[in-house]
Amino acid sequence: MVTTNFINHLKFEKRYSPHTITAYTKDLDQFDSFLRSEYEVLNANEISYQMVRSWIVGLIEQDISARSVNRKLSTLKSYFKYLVREELIKENPMPKVQPPKTSKKLPVFVDRESMETLFSEDIFSNDFDGTRDRLILEMFYMTGIRLSELINLKNSDIDFYQQNIKVLGKRNKERIIPISAELIDSIKKYIEIKDKNVEVPEQNDYFYVTIRGKKLYEKLAYHIVNLYLGKVSTLQKKSPHVLRHTFATHMLNNGADLNAIKEILGHSNLAATQVYTHNTIEKLKNIYKQAHPRA
């Protein structure tokens, strides 16, 4: 099963992120190994929907979650769709494949009181690390940007005059996110302490850096978020993406338009944003149960 051209198509034409490319490559390699060992199939033209279904059953028997299985099926759908378009196979086996049902999980978010505590109490130190770490948490919470977007933010992406930041999102889609006066003050404070304490090489235009002047990396940013959220929240999951969920949920609960949230988050369609309405509905249910005498 040849996948090189397809992966290059995703990389150079679709401009998928390195993380997504790695996931697609891994899925296709796993499927290819399965076909070779179970059916001795090497050619994509020989693949039937029964073979795909057999692979799914095997994954489920290995206790792979339905969500993960569906992600792998999404990879196969894209792959076979590409092969049909390039006229490399005659028939697409995927339309006959039924994906396993997944239970809908509500996005995990931090409650408003905990976020207020995080930024109002003396949790962050006043040195470079503390100032940077506070800004990282603030920017995640006040803009809803992704982890990859935050660590790739450049100095030139911040517009103090227009009060916004320019973000390069998935598939290299650029978007503008408004920022508050409060966040601007934190940004200026960080820049001031960075200029005094960190020697950043001229060729490094990245906004977030380590104390040694190197670009902030994902593992460190994740650790920072996990550390500080652990001081105010008992949530099991404490990650940058939880702060993205928190931003969207708090915005929606305070009356923000769903389409506006969609644009800020950089979602390609409204369905991805609508998941946050479930949190709002759950909140209303709880209020109703607590307030109505016959609830």
C-alpha atoms as a PDB file:
ATOM      1  CA  MET A   1       0.000   0.000   0.000  1.00  0.00           C
ATOM      2  CA  VAL A   2       1.798   3.124  -1.235  1.00  0.00           C
ATOM      3  CA  THR A   3       1.105   6.227   0.857  1.00  0.00           C
ATOM      4  CA  THR A   4       4.027   8.555   0.100  1.00  0.00           C
ATOM      5  CA  ASN A   5       2.212  10.670  -2.515  1.00  0.00           C
ATOM      6  CA  PHE A   6      -0.835  11.012  -0.262  1.00  0.00           C
ATOM      7  CA  ILE A   7       1.267  12.168   2.700  1.00  0.00           C
ATOM      8  CA  ASN A   8       3.065  14.680   0.467  1.00  0.00           C
ATOM      9  CA  HIS A   9      -0.351  15.901  -0.703  1.00  0.00           C
ATOM     10  CA  LEU A  10      -1.370  16.553   2.921  1.00  0.00           C
ATOM     11  CA  LYS A  11       1.953  18.160   3.734  1.00  0.00           C
ATOM     12  CA  PHE A  12       2.465  20.467   0.758  1.00  0.00           C
ATOM     13  CA  GLU A  13      -0.996  21.029  -0.727  1.00  0.00           C
ATOM     14  CA  LYS A  14      -3.302  20.746   2.279  1.00  0.00           C
ATOM     15  CA  ARG A  15      -0.593  22.183   4.557  1.00  0.00           C
ATOM     16  CA  TYR A  16      -1.574  20.016   7.518  1.00  0.00           C
ATOM     17  CA  SER A  17       0.363  20.447  10.745  1.00  0.00           C
ATOM     18  CA  PRO A  18       3.339  18.149  11.522  1.00  0.00           C
ATOM     19  CA  HIS A  19       1.297  16.624  14.354  1.00  0.00           C
ATOM     20  CA  THR A  20      -1.553  15.724  11.971  1.00  0.00           C
ATOM     21  CA  ILE A  21       0.871  14.360   9.367  1.00  0.00           C
ATOM     22  CA  THR A  22       2.435  12.107  12.012  1.00  0.00           C
ATOM     23  CA  ALA A  23      -1.006  10.816  13.079  1.00  0.00           C
ATOM     24  CA  TYR A  24      -2.075  10.085   9.465  1.00  0.00           C
ATOM     25  CA  THR A  25       1.214   8.313   8.726  1.00  0.00           C
ATOM     26  CA  LYS A  26       0.917   6.162  11.847  1.00  0.00           C
ATOM     27  CA  ASP A  27      -2.705   5.201  11.053  1.00  0.00           C
ATOM     28  CA  LEU A  28      -1.866   4.192   7.499  1.00  0.00           C
ATOM     29  CA  ASP A  29       1.192   2.211   8.593  1.00  0.00           C
ATOM     30  CA  GLN A  30      -0.929   0.309  11.130  1.00  0.00           C
ATOM     31  CA  PHE A  31      -3.576  -0.474   8.526  1.00  0.00           C
ATOM     32  CA  ASP A  32      -0.938  -1.548   6.012  1.00  0.00           C
ATOM     33  CA  SER A  33       0.658  -3.912   8.549  1.00  0.00           C
ATOM     34  CA  PHE A  34      -2.775  -5.389   9.293  1.00  0.00           C
ATOM     35  CA  LEU A  35      -3.491  -6.005   5.590  1.00  0.00           C
ATOM     36  CA  ARG A  36      -0.108  -7.631   5.031  1.00  0.00           C
ATOM     37  CA  SER A  37      -0.344  -9.965   8.038  1.00  0.00           C
ATOM     38  CA  GLU A  38      -4.033 -10.912   7.782  1.00  0.00           C
ATOM     39  CA  TYR A  39      -4.726 -10.858   4.034  1.00  0.00           C
ATOM     40  CA  GLU A  40      -1.311 -10.601   2.358  1.00  0.00           C
ATOM     41  CA  VAL A  41      -2.664  -7.584   0.486  1.00  0.00           C
ATOM     42  CA  LEU A  42      -0.144  -5.115  -0.918  1.00  0.00           C
ATOM     43  CA  ASN A  43      -2.187  -3.275  -3.554  1.00  0.00           C
ATOM     44  CA  ALA A  44      -4.820  -0.647  -2.634  1.00  0.00           C
ATOM     45  CA  ASN A  45      -7.083  -1.950  -5.416  1.00  0.00           C
ATOM     46  CA  GLU A  46      -7.459  -5.237  -3.544  1.00  0.00           C
ATOM     47  CA  ILE A  47      -8.780  -3.649  -0.336  1.00  0.00           C
ATOM     48  CA  SER A  48     -12.454  -4.321   0.428  1.00  0.00           C
ATOM     49  CA  TYR A  49     -14.813  -2.820   2.985  1.00  0.00           C
ATOM     50  CA  GLN A  50     -14.836  -6.217   4.779  1.00  0.00           C
ATOM     51  CA  MET A  51     -11.096  -5.838   5.384  1.00  0.00           C
ATOM     52  CA  VAL A  52     -11.606  -2.359   6.825  1.00  0.00           C
ATOM     53  CA  ARG A  53     -14.404  -3.631   9.071  1.00  0.00           C
ATOM     54  CA  SER A  54     -12.206  -6.497  10.224  1.00  0.00           C
ATOM     55  CA  TRP A  55      -9.519  -3.971  11.180  1.00  0.00           C
ATOM     56  CA  ILE A  56     -12.066  -1.945  13.153  1.00  0.00           C
ATOM     57  CA  VAL A  57     -13.206  -5.023  15.059  1.00  0.00           C
ATOM     58  CA  GLY A  58      -9.607  -5.838  15.922  1.00  0.00           C
ATOM     59  CA  LEU A  59      -8.997  -2.306  17.215  1.00  0.00           C
ATOM     60  CA  ILE A  60     -12.105  -2.420  19.393  1.00  0.00           C
ATOM     61  CA  GLU A  61     -11.060  -5.825  20.784  1.00  0.00           C
ATOM     62  CA  GLN A  62      -7.763  -4.170  21.785  1.00  0.00           C
ATOM     63  CA  ASP A  63      -9.813  -1.687  23.866  1.00  0.00           C
ATOM     64  CA  ILE A  64      -9.044   1.196  21.520  1.00  0.00           C
ATOM     65  CA  SER A  65     -11.687   3.863  22.206  1.00  0.00           C
ATOM     66  CA  ALA A  66     -14.438   4.509  19.664  1.00  0.00           C
ATOM     67  CA  ARG A  67     -13.177   8.087  19.327  1.00  0.00           C
ATOM     68  CA  SER A  68      -9.677   6.872  18.390  1.00  0.00           C
ATOM     69  CA  VAL A  69     -11.074   4.280  15.975  1.00  0.00           C
ATOM     70  CA  ASN A  70     -13.159   6.973  14.256  1.00  0.00           C
ATOM     71  CA  ARG A  71     -10.086   9.162  13.916  1.00  0.00           C
ATOM     72  CA  LYS A  72      -8.286   6.286  12.166  1.00  0.00           C
ATOM     73  CA  LEU A  73     -11.309   5.781   9.912  1.00  0.00           C
ATOM     74  CA  SER A  74     -11.174   9.482   9.040  1.00  0.00           C
ATOM     75  CA  THR A  75      -7.595   8.913   7.890  1.00  0.00           C
ATOM     76  CA  LEU A  76      -8.692   6.021   5.664  1.00  0.00           C
ATOM     77  CA  LYS A  77     -11.573   8.064   4.223  1.00  0.00           C
ATOM     78  CA  SER A  78      -9.188  10.834   3.212  1.00  0.00           C
ATOM     79  CA  TYR A  79      -6.713   8.318   1.801  1.00  0.00           C
ATOM     80  CA  PHE A  80      -9.203   6.408  -0.355  1.00  0.00           C
ATOM     81  CA  LYS A  81     -10.885   9.625  -1.488  1.00  0.00           C
ATOM     82  CA  TYR A  82      -7.469  10.782  -2.708  1.00  0.00           C
ATOM     83  CA  LEU A  83      -6.843   7.468  -4.512  1.00  0.00           C
ATOM     84  CA  VAL A  84     -10.203   7.697  -6.310  1.00  0.00           C
ATOM     85  CA  ARG A  85      -9.573  11.284  -7.355  1.00  0.00           C
ATOM     86  CA  GLU A  86      -6.136  10.349  -8.695  1.00  0.00           C
ATOM     87  CA  GLU A  87      -7.728   7.341 -10.476  1.00  0.00           C
ATOM     88  CA  LEU A  88      -5.429   4.941  -8.634  1.00  0.00           C
ATOM     89  CA  ILE A  89      -8.314   2.711  -7.520  1.00  0.00           C
ATOM     90  CA  LYS A  90     -11.659   1.939  -9.143  1.00  0.00           C
ATOM     91  CA  GLU A  91     -13.884   1.657  -6.069  1.00  0.00           C
ATOM     92  CA  ASN A  92     -13.817   3.340  -2.671  1.00  0.00           C
ATOM     93  CA  PRO A  93     -14.465   0.759   0.111  1.00  0.00           C
ATOM     94  CA  MET A  94     -15.250   3.351   2.801  1.00  0.00           C
ATOM     95  CA  PRO A  95     -18.941   4.266   2.109  1.00  0.00           C
ATOM     96  CA  LYS A  96     -20.035   0.800   3.280  1.00  0.00           C
ATOM     97  CA  VAL A  97     -18.063   1.067   6.539  1.00  0.00           C
ATOM     98  CA  GLN A  98     -20.115   2.033   9.594  1.00  0.00           C
ATOM     99  CA  PRO A  99     -18.101   3.869  12.282  1.00  0.00           C
ATOM    100  CA  PRO A 100     -18.556   2.839  15.931  1.00  0.00           C
ATOM    101  CA  LYS A 101     -20.807   5.107  17.986  1.00  0.00           C
ATOM    102  CA  THR A 102     -19.129   7.474  20.409  1.00  0.00           C
ATOM    103  CA  SER A 103     -20.541   8.928  23.584  1.00  0.00           C
ATOM    104  CA  LYS A 104     -20.549  12.714  23.511  1.00  0.00           C
ATOM    105  CA  LYS A 105     -18.263  14.199  26.142  1.00  0.00           C
ATOM    106  CA  LEU A 106     -18.841  17.727  27.314  1.00  0.00           C
ATOM    107  CA  PRO A 107     -15.763  19.972  27.122  1.00  0.00           C
ATOM    108  CA  VAL A 108     -13.986  20.188  30.484  1.00  0.00           C
ATOM    109  CA  PHE A 109     -13.597  23.754  31.736  1.00  0.00           C
ATOM    110  CA  VAL A 110     -12.482  25.633  34.854  1.00  0.00           C
ATOM    111  CA  ASP A 111     -15.203  27.482  36.756  1.00  0.00           C
ATOM    112  CA  ARG A 112     -15.188  31.269  36.792  1.00  0.00           C
ATOM    113  CA  GLU A 113     -14.432  31.559  40.515  1.00  0.00           C
ATOM    114  CA  SER A 114     -11.270  29.462  40.156  1.00  0.00           C
ATOM    115  CA  MET A 115     -10.047  31.614  37.266  1.00  0.00           C
ATOM    116  CA  GLU A 116     -10.687  34.753  39.316  1.00  0.00           C
ATOM    117  CA  THR A 117      -8.667  33.246  42.167  1.00  0.00           C
ATOM    118  CA  LEU A 118      -5.822  32.355  39.810  1.00  0.00           C
ATOM    119  CA  PHE A 119      -5.292  35.944  38.694  1.00  0.00           C
ATOM    120  CA  SER A 120      -6.300  37.828  41.828  1.00  0.00           C
ATOM    121  CA  GLU A 121      -4.221  36.084  44.479  1.00  0.00           C
ATOM    122  CA  ASP A 122      -0.437  36.180  44.882  1.00  0.00           C
ATOM    123  CA  ILE A 123       0.223  32.943  42.981  1.00  0.00           C
ATOM    124  CA  PHE A 124       2.801  34.104  40.426  1.00  0.00           C
ATOM    125  CA  SER A 125       6.283  35.367  41.315  1.00  0.00           C
ATOM    126  CA  ASN A 126       7.463  38.782  40.115  1.00  0.00           C
ATOM    127  CA  ASP A 127      10.580  37.490  38.327  1.00  0.00           C
ATOM    128  CA  PHE A 128      10.841  36.661  34.627  1.00  0.00           C
ATOM    129  CA  ASP A 129       9.419  33.130  34.909  1.00  0.00           C
ATOM    130  CA  GLY A 130       6.471  34.232  37.036  1.00  0.00           C
ATOM    131  CA  THR A 131       5.628  37.176  34.769  1.00  0.00           C
ATOM    132  CA  ARG A 132       5.841  35.009  31.645  1.00  0.00           C
ATOM    133  CA  ASP A 133       3.864  32.164  33.196  1.00  0.00           C
ATOM    134  CA  ARG A 134       1.057  34.497  34.273  1.00  0.00           C
ATOM    135  CA  LEU A 135       0.852  35.953  30.774  1.00  0.00           C
ATOM    136  CA  ILE A 136       0.716  32.463  29.259  1.00  0.00           C
ATOM    137  CA  LEU A 137      -2.268  31.557  31.444  1.00  0.00           C
ATOM    138  CA  GLU A 138      -3.918  34.926  30.768  1.00  0.00           C
ATOM    139  CA  MET A 139      -3.482  34.660  27.018  1.00  0.00           C
ATOM    140  CA  PHE A 140      -4.879  31.125  26.866  1.00  0.00           C
ATOM    141  CA  TYR A 141      -7.878  32.148  28.957  1.00  0.00           C
ATOM    142  CA  MET A 142      -8.523  35.549  27.358  1.00  0.00           C
ATOM    143  CA  THR A 143      -8.050  34.590  23.693  1.00  0.00           C
ATOM    144  CA  GLY A 144      -8.804  30.853  23.484  1.00  0.00           C
ATOM    145  CA  ILE A 145      -5.774  30.194  21.271  1.00  0.00           C
ATOM    146  CA  ARG A 146      -4.291  26.742  20.818  1.00  0.00           C
ATOM    147  CA  LEU A 147      -0.995  25.625  22.352  1.00  0.00           C
ATOM    148  CA  SER A 148       0.787  25.509  18.975  1.00  0.00           C
ATOM    149  CA  GLU A 149      -0.510  28.993  18.161  1.00  0.00           C
ATOM    150  CA  LEU A 150       0.763  30.426  21.423  1.00  0.00           C
ATOM    151  CA  ILE A 151       4.302  29.071  21.237  1.00  0.00           C
ATOM    152  CA  ASN A 152       4.612  30.167  17.576  1.00  0.00           C
ATOM    153  CA  LEU A 153       3.461  33.723  18.304  1.00  0.00           C
ATOM    154  CA  LYS A 154       5.954  36.291  16.995  1.00  0.00           C
ATOM    155  CA  ASN A 155       6.791  39.720  18.418  1.00  0.00           C
ATOM    156  CA  SER A 156       5.464  41.247  15.204  1.00  0.00           C
ATOM    157  CA  ASP A 157       2.097  39.497  15.667  1.00  0.00           C
ATOM    158  CA  ILE A 158       1.116  41.797  18.534  1.00  0.00           C
ATOM    159  CA  ASP A 159      -0.556  45.062  17.495  1.00  0.00           C
ATOM    160  CA  PHE A 160      -0.809  47.424  20.447  1.00  0.00           C
ATOM    161  CA  TYR A 161      -2.459  50.171  18.401  1.00  0.00           C
ATOM    162  CA  GLN A 162      -5.287  47.981  17.076  1.00  0.00           C
ATOM    163  CA  GLN A 163      -5.348  45.942  20.308  1.00  0.00           C
ATOM    164  CA  ASN A 164      -5.186  42.528  18.682  1.00  0.00           C
ATOM    165  CA  ILE A 165      -2.884  39.605  17.975  1.00  0.00           C
ATOM    166  CA  LYS A 166      -2.358  37.814  14.665  1.00  0.00           C
ATOM    167  CA  VAL A 167      -2.475  34.031  14.954  1.00  0.00           C
ATOM    168  CA  LEU A 168      -1.457  31.380  12.445  1.00  0.00           C
ATOM    169  CA  GLY A 169      -3.908  28.531  12.991  1.00  0.00           C
ATOM    170  CA  LYS A 170      -4.549  25.112  11.499  1.00  0.00           C
ATOM    171  CA  ARG A 171      -3.741  24.693   7.798  1.00  0.00           C
ATOM    172  CA  ASN A 172      -1.874  28.016   7.937  1.00  0.00           C
ATOM    173  CA  LYS A 173      -5.104  29.998   8.270  1.00  0.00           C
ATOM    174  CA  GLU A 174      -4.459  33.433   9.682  1.00  0.00           C
ATOM    175  CA  ARG A 175      -6.907  35.130  12.028  1.00  0.00           C
ATOM    176  CA  ILE A 176      -7.021  38.265  14.159  1.00  0.00           C
ATOM    177  CA  ILE A 177      -8.022  38.027  17.833  1.00  0.00           C
ATOM    178  CA  PRO A 178      -8.934  41.126  19.853  1.00  0.00           C
ATOM    179  CA  ILE A 179      -7.192  41.559  23.217  1.00  0.00           C
ATOM    180  CA  SER A 180      -8.204  43.574  26.263  1.00  0.00           C
ATOM    181  CA  ALA A 181      -6.425  46.520  27.866  1.00  0.00           C
ATOM    182  CA  GLU A 182      -5.702  44.275  30.851  1.00  0.00           C
ATOM    183  CA  LEU A 183      -3.950  41.719  28.652  1.00  0.00           C
ATOM    184  CA  ILE A 184      -2.006  44.479  26.895  1.00  0.00           C
ATOM    185  CA  ASP A 185      -0.709  45.677  30.273  1.00  0.00           C
ATOM    186  CA  SER A 186       0.477  42.139  31.072  1.00  0.00           C
ATOM    187  CA  ILE A 187       2.144  41.876  27.646  1.00  0.00           C
ATOM    188  CA  LYS A 188       4.007  45.161  28.173  1.00  0.00           C
ATOM    189  CA  LYS A 189       5.131  44.043  31.631  1.00  0.00           C
ATOM    190  CA  TYR A 190       6.446  40.775  30.180  1.00  0.00           C
ATOM    191  CA  ILE A 191       8.293  42.568  27.363  1.00  0.00           C
ATOM    192  CA  GLU A 192       9.898  44.948  29.865  1.00  0.00           C
ATOM    193  CA  ILE A 193      11.164  42.191  32.157  1.00  0.00           C
ATOM    194  CA  LYS A 194      12.212  40.066  29.138  1.00  0.00           C
ATOM    195  CA  ASP A 195      14.311  42.940  27.734  1.00  0.00           C
ATOM    196  CA  LYS A 196      16.036  43.379  31.094  1.00  0.00           C
ATOM    197  CA  ASN A 197      16.673  39.740  31.968  1.00  0.00           C
ATOM    198  CA  VAL A 198      16.835  37.683  28.777  1.00  0.00           C
ATOM    199  CA  GLU A 199      19.277  37.928  25.903  1.00  0.00           C
ATOM    200  CA  VAL A 200      17.272  36.857  22.872  1.00  0.00           C
ATOM    201  CA  PRO A 201      19.193  36.253  19.611  1.00  0.00           C
ATOM    202  CA  GLU A 202      18.257  38.655  16.802  1.00  0.00           C
ATOM    203  CA  GLN A 203      17.143  35.797  14.568  1.00  0.00           C
ATOM    204  CA  ASN A 204      14.665  34.643  17.227  1.00  0.00           C
ATOM    205  CA  ASP A 205      11.478  36.673  16.764  1.00  0.00           C
ATOM    206  CA  TYR A 206       9.353  34.392  18.946  1.00  0.00           C
ATOM    207  CA  PHE A 207       7.379  36.222  21.614  1.00  0.00           C
ATOM    208  CA  TYR A 208       7.484  33.559  24.335  1.00  0.00           C
ATOM    209  CA  VAL A 209      10.960  32.423  25.324  1.00  0.00           C
ATOM    210  CA  THR A 210      12.771  30.599  28.108  1.00  0.00           C
ATOM    211  CA  ILE A 211      15.079  32.365  30.557  1.00  0.00           C
ATOM    212  CA  ARG A 212      17.926  31.431  28.176  1.00  0.00           C
ATOM    213  CA  GLY A 213      16.267  33.212  25.282  1.00  0.00           C
ATOM    214  CA  LYS A 214      15.176  30.109  23.368  1.00  0.00           C
ATOM    215  CA  LYS A 215      11.715  29.610  21.911  1.00  0.00           C
ATOM    216  CA  LEU A 216       9.147  28.298  24.404  1.00  0.00           C
ATOM    217  CA  TYR A 217       8.448  24.622  23.719  1.00  0.00           C
ATOM    218  CA  GLU A 218       5.190  22.665  24.039  1.00  0.00           C
ATOM    219  CA  LYS A 219       6.193  20.481  26.983  1.00  0.00           C
ATOM    220  CA  LEU A 220       7.184  23.501  29.096  1.00  0.00           C
ATOM    221  CA  ALA A 221       4.008  25.446  28.223  1.00  0.00           C
ATOM    222  CA  TYR A 222       1.903  22.394  29.108  1.00  0.00           C
ATOM    223  CA  HIS A 223       3.776  22.005  32.408  1.00  0.00           C
ATOM    224  CA  ILE A 224       3.211  25.684  33.287  1.00  0.00           C
ATOM    225  CA  VAL A 225      -0.538  25.453  32.710  1.00  0.00           C
ATOM    226  CA  ASN A 226      -0.803  22.176  34.629  1.00  0.00           C
ATOM    227  CA  LEU A 227       1.176  23.585  37.561  1.00  0.00           C
ATOM    228  CA  TYR A 228      -0.847  26.759  38.068  1.00  0.00           C
ATOM    229  CA  LEU A 229      -4.282  25.294  37.368  1.00  0.00           C
ATOM    230  CA  GLY A 230      -3.444  22.687  39.992  1.00  0.00           C
ATOM    231  CA  LYS A 231      -3.277  25.498  42.563  1.00  0.00           C
ATOM    232  CA  VAL A 232      -6.893  26.575  41.991  1.00  0.00           C
ATOM    233  CA  SER A 233      -8.704  23.603  40.438  1.00  0.00           C
ATOM    234  CA  THR A 234      -9.296  19.958  41.296  1.00  0.00           C
ATOM    235  CA  LEU A 235      -9.965  18.999  37.674  1.00  0.00           C
ATOM    236  CA  GLN A 236      -8.195  15.812  36.633  1.00  0.00           C
ATOM    237  CA  LYS A 237      -7.245  17.318  33.282  1.00  0.00           C
ATOM    238  CA  LYS A 238      -5.383  20.627  33.463  1.00  0.00           C
ATOM    239  CA  SER A 239      -4.092  21.558  30.019  1.00  0.00           C
ATOM    240  CA  PRO A 240      -3.917  24.479  27.574  1.00  0.00           C
ATOM    241  CA  HIS A 241      -6.903  22.997  25.732  1.00  0.00           C
ATOM    242  CA  VAL A 242      -8.939  23.072  28.947  1.00  0.00           C
ATOM    243  CA  LEU A 243      -8.294  26.832  29.053  1.00  0.00           C
ATOM    244  CA  ARG A 244      -9.489  27.055  25.446  1.00  0.00           C
ATOM    245  CA  HIS A 245     -12.691  25.289  26.509  1.00  0.00           C
ATOM    246  CA  THR A 246     -12.910  27.605  29.523  1.00  0.00           C
ATOM    247  CA  PHE A 247     -12.622  30.707  27.333  1.00  0.00           C
ATOM    248  CA  ALA A 248     -15.404  29.542  25.005  1.00  0.00           C
ATOM    249  CA  THR A 249     -17.731  28.392  27.785  1.00  0.00           C
ATOM    250  CA  HIS A 250     -17.354  31.571  29.845  1.00  0.00           C
ATOM    251  CA  MET A 251     -17.862  33.723  26.734  1.00  0.00           C
ATOM    252  CA  LEU A 252     -21.042  31.835  25.856  1.00  0.00           C
ATOM    253  CA  ASN A 253     -22.354  31.951  29.426  1.00  0.00           C
ATOM    254  CA  ASN A 254     -21.903  35.720  29.398  1.00  0.00           C
ATOM    255  CA  GLY A 255     -23.941  36.224  26.241  1.00  0.00           C
ATOM    256  CA  ALA A 256     -21.351  36.141  23.450  1.00  0.00           C
ATOM    257  CA  ASP A 257     -22.615  35.289  19.969  1.00  0.00           C
ATOM    258  CA  LEU A 258     -21.786  31.735  18.915  1.00  0.00           C
ATOM    259  CA  ASN A 259     -20.537  32.872  15.502  1.00  0.00           C
ATOM    260  CA  ALA A 260     -18.185  35.379  17.135  1.00  0.00           C
ATOM    261  CA  ILE A 261     -16.737  32.618  19.343  1.00  0.00           C
ATOM    262  CA  LYS A 262     -16.335  30.439  16.235  1.00  0.00           C
ATOM    263  CA  GLU A 263     -14.282  33.153  14.505  1.00  0.00           C
ATOM    264  CA  ILE A 264     -12.085  33.793  17.543  1.00  0.00           C
ATOM    265  CA  LEU A 265     -11.403  30.078  18.053  1.00  0.00           C
ATOM    266  CA  GLY A 266     -10.666  29.574  14.362  1.00  0.00           C
ATOM    267  CA  HIS A 267     -13.186  26.764  13.871  1.00  0.00           C
ATOM    268  CA  SER A 268     -13.899  25.905  10.236  1.00  0.00           C
ATOM    269  CA  ASN A 269     -17.591  25.258  10.903  1.00  0.00           C
ATOM    270  CA  LEU A 270     -20.186  26.148  13.517  1.00  0.00           C
ATOM    271  CA  ALA A 271     -20.758  22.513  14.553  1.00  0.00           C
ATOM    272  CA  ALA A 272     -17.348  22.452  16.271  1.00  0.00           C
ATOM    273  CA  THR A 273     -18.309  25.506  18.331  1.00  0.00           C
ATOM    274  CA  GLN A 274     -21.827  24.340  19.197  1.00  0.00           C
ATOM    275  CA  VAL A 275     -20.445  21.728  21.591  1.00  0.00           C
ATOM    276  CA  TYR A 276     -20.040  24.554  24.118  1.00  0.00           C
ATOM    277  CA  THR A 277     -23.785  25.190  24.159  1.00  0.00           C
ATOM    278  CA  HIS A 278     -24.161  21.852  25.976  1.00  0.00           C
ATOM    279  CA  ASN A 279     -22.273  23.261  28.949  1.00  0.00           C
ATOM    280  CA  THR A 280     -24.596  26.261  28.981  1.00  0.00           C
ATOM    281  CA  ILE A 281     -27.667  23.988  28.847  1.00  0.00           C
ATOM    282  CA  GLU A 282     -26.301  21.906  31.737  1.00  0.00           C
ATOM    283  CA  LYS A 283     -25.787  25.112  33.724  1.00  0.00           C
ATOM    284  CA  LEU A 284     -29.398  26.155  33.076  1.00  0.00           C
ATOM    285  CA  LYS A 285     -30.621  22.710  34.150  1.00  0.00           C
ATOM    286  CA  ASN A 286     -28.748  22.994  37.442  1.00  0.00           C
ATOM    287  CA  ILE A 287     -30.100  26.489  38.064  1.00  0.00           C
ATOM    288  CA  TYR A 288     -33.607  25.244  37.314  1.00  0.00           C
ATOM    289  CA  LYS A 289     -33.280  22.285  39.689  1.00  0.00           C
ATOM    290  CA  GLN A 290     -31.974  24.493  42.484  1.00  0.00           C
ATOM    291  CA  ALA A 291     -34.440  27.354  41.995  1.00  0.00           C
ATOM    292  CA  HIS A 292     -37.784  25.861  41.017  1.00  0.00           C
ATOM    293  CA  PRO A 293     -39.807  24.551  43.983  1.00  0.00           C
ATOM    294  CA  ARG A 294     -41.149  21.602  42.012  1.00  0.00           C
ATOM    295  CA  ALA A 295     -38.066  20.765  39.965  1.00  0.00           C
END
